[in-house]
Structures are given as C-alpha cells and as structure tokens.
C-alpha cells in the first residue's frame, strides 16, 4: 500500500504499486468490497494505481475506516502470498495431475518412477 486516505464521510482512497501487487491481485481484493462500495479504479502510466471507494449506503465511521484499511492491507498480502505459492508449486501440481489421470504403465514415459 502506498497510502490510505479518508476523503469524505463516505469516500476513501488508496494506492498500490503494480511492481509489488499485480492488477490480478487487486481485482481479487476489490471483488469483496463491491457489495458495499462503488469502486473507481484510476490507472496511471507509472506503477501506482489509485482506487477510490465510495460507500453505497451510509457513512464510513472512523472504526469502519480503520477496519477497512486493515482488511484491505491484509487481503493484498494474503493474495500476494497465494500467488507466490501457486507459481512455486505449479510443477508439483502438474505431476499430481499426470499421476492421477495416467495409467500406471504411462508413468515411465514421464520419468516419474525411478
């Protein structure tokens, strides 16, 4: 997160760096907010992306603002870690799929049996 700022009683804004968090990760985080917030995503030429959140009904209390800030920060980290794990375990998952759907005789073709 670059910043997290309260703009008004029903709006807040935050930025994130696409060099650290992909737009794919940001979309996953924002998905969970779409029920309660209108989401305005401003893309710039630099790696910083700006998101404006506007509460659909009511105001954002100070407690809700703090919870929202913490929740968004936690979700960015969570989805970033999930993305890393998925990339690092891709080969292992491929091997498991091959073993699950191949005949036992086919294992030798994939060099899975020593």
Protein backbone atom coordinates (compact mmCIF):
# COMPACT_ATOMS: atom_id res chain seq x y z
CA UNK A 1 0.00 0.00 0.00
CA UNK A 2 1.27 3.45 -0.80
CA UNK A 3 -1.36 5.38 1.09
CA UNK A 4 -4.85 5.06 2.53
CA UNK A 5 -6.69 8.37 2.91
CA UNK A 6 -10.17 9.32 4.02
CA UNK A 7 -11.55 11.90 1.56
CA UNK A 8 -15.03 12.48 2.99
CA UNK A 9 -17.61 10.84 5.23
CA UNK A 10 -18.41 8.22 2.58
CA UNK A 11 -15.22 8.09 0.47
CA UNK A 12 -11.66 6.90 0.90
CA UNK A 13 -8.78 6.37 -1.46
CA UNK A 14 -5.75 4.14 -1.55
CA UNK A 15 -2.94 3.39 -3.95
CA UNK A 16 -0.88 0.31 -4.60
CA UNK A 17 2.26 -0.37 -6.58
CA UNK A 18 1.87 -2.77 -9.53
CA UNK A 19 5.55 -3.62 -9.24
CA UNK A 20 4.63 -5.35 -5.96
CA UNK A 21 0.95 -6.27 -6.38
CA UNK A 22 -0.44 -7.22 -9.78
CA UNK A 23 -3.75 -5.90 -11.08
CA UNK A 24 -4.96 -9.50 -10.84
CA UNK A 25 -4.39 -9.42 -7.06
CA UNK A 26 -6.06 -6.01 -6.77
CA UNK A 27 -9.14 -7.29 -8.63
CA UNK A 28 -9.46 -10.15 -6.14
CA UNK A 29 -9.25 -7.73 -3.21
CA UNK A 30 -11.77 -5.32 -4.74
CA UNK A 31 -14.24 -8.09 -5.52
CA UNK A 32 -15.04 -8.44 -1.80
CA UNK A 33 -15.69 -4.71 -1.48
CA UNK A 34 -18.10 -4.37 -4.42
CA UNK A 35 -21.14 -5.30 -2.31
CA UNK A 36 -20.81 -2.24 -0.06
CA UNK A 37 -18.73 0.21 -2.12
CA UNK A 38 -18.68 1.79 -5.54
CA UNK A 39 -15.17 1.25 -6.84
CA UNK A 40 -13.35 3.70 -9.10
CA UNK A 41 -10.03 2.41 -10.38
CA UNK A 42 -7.67 5.02 -11.81
CA UNK A 43 -4.72 3.71 -13.78
CA UNK A 44 -1.64 5.84 -14.37
CA UNK A 45 1.39 5.39 -16.61
CA UNK A 46 3.61 4.81 -13.59
CA UNK A 47 3.30 1.65 -11.49
CA UNK A 48 0.97 3.32 -8.96
CA UNK A 49 -2.73 2.50 -9.26
CA UNK A 50 -5.31 4.55 -7.38
CA UNK A 51 -8.60 3.16 -6.07
CA UNK A 52 -11.45 5.36 -4.83
CA UNK A 53 -14.05 3.65 -2.63
CA UNK A 54 -17.45 5.28 -2.12
CA UNK A 55 -19.83 3.66 0.32
CA UNK A 56 -23.15 2.83 -1.35
CA UNK A 57 -25.33 3.38 1.71
CA UNK A 58 -24.49 5.47 4.75
CA UNK A 59 -21.25 6.87 6.03
CA UNK A 60 -17.89 5.34 6.85
CA UNK A 61 -17.37 5.65 10.60
CA UNK A 62 -13.86 6.07 11.98
CA UNK A 63 -13.93 2.48 13.29
CA UNK A 64 -15.13 1.17 9.93
CA UNK A 65 -12.40 3.17 8.16
CA UNK A 66 -9.70 1.58 10.36
CA UNK A 67 -11.17 -1.91 9.84
CA UNK A 68 -11.40 -1.32 6.08
CA UNK A 69 -7.78 -0.13 5.90
CA UNK A 70 -6.53 -3.13 7.88
CA UNK A 71 -8.70 -5.58 5.91
CA UNK A 72 -7.56 -4.29 2.52
CA UNK A 73 -3.93 -4.37 3.58
CA UNK A 74 -4.30 -7.94 4.90
CA UNK A 75 -6.06 -9.11 1.72
CA UNK A 76 -3.33 -7.67 -0.52
CA UNK A 77 -0.69 -9.57 1.45
CA UNK A 78 -2.81 -12.74 1.54
CA UNK A 79 -3.46 -12.80 -2.20
CA UNK A 80 0.19 -11.96 -2.93
CA UNK A 81 1.30 -14.96 -0.85
CA UNK A 82 -1.26 -17.20 -2.56
CA UNK A 83 0.02 -16.06 -5.94
CA UNK A 84 3.62 -16.88 -4.94
CA UNK A 85 2.62 -20.34 -3.67
CA UNK A 86 0.66 -21.11 -6.84
CA UNK A 87 3.63 -20.19 -9.02
CA UNK A 88 6.13 -22.12 -6.88
CA UNK A 89 4.03 -25.30 -6.73
CA UNK A 90 2.90 -25.40 -10.37
CA UNK A 91 5.26 -28.23 -11.34
CA UNK A 92 4.22 -30.31 -8.34
CA UNK A 93 0.54 -29.88 -9.21
CA UNK A 94 1.26 -30.84 -12.84
CA UNK A 95 2.94 -34.05 -11.70
CA UNK A 96 0.00 -34.89 -9.43
CA UNK A 97 -2.45 -34.36 -12.32
CA UNK A 98 -0.38 -36.59 -14.58
CA UNK A 99 -0.25 -39.33 -11.95
CA UNK A 100 -3.95 -39.05 -11.19
CA UNK A 101 -5.11 -39.39 -14.79
CA UNK A 102 -2.42 -41.61 -16.33
CA UNK A 103 -2.34 -45.38 -16.48
CA UNK A 104 0.34 -46.97 -14.31
CA UNK A 105 2.26 -48.02 -17.44
CA UNK A 106 2.45 -44.40 -18.56
CA UNK A 107 4.47 -43.29 -15.50
CA UNK A 108 7.69 -44.38 -17.12
CA UNK A 109 7.02 -42.08 -20.08
CA UNK A 110 7.06 -39.11 -17.71
CA UNK A 111 10.09 -40.34 -15.72
CA UNK A 112 8.01 -40.32 -12.55
CA UNK A 113 9.20 -43.77 -11.41
CA UNK A 114 12.92 -44.05 -10.57
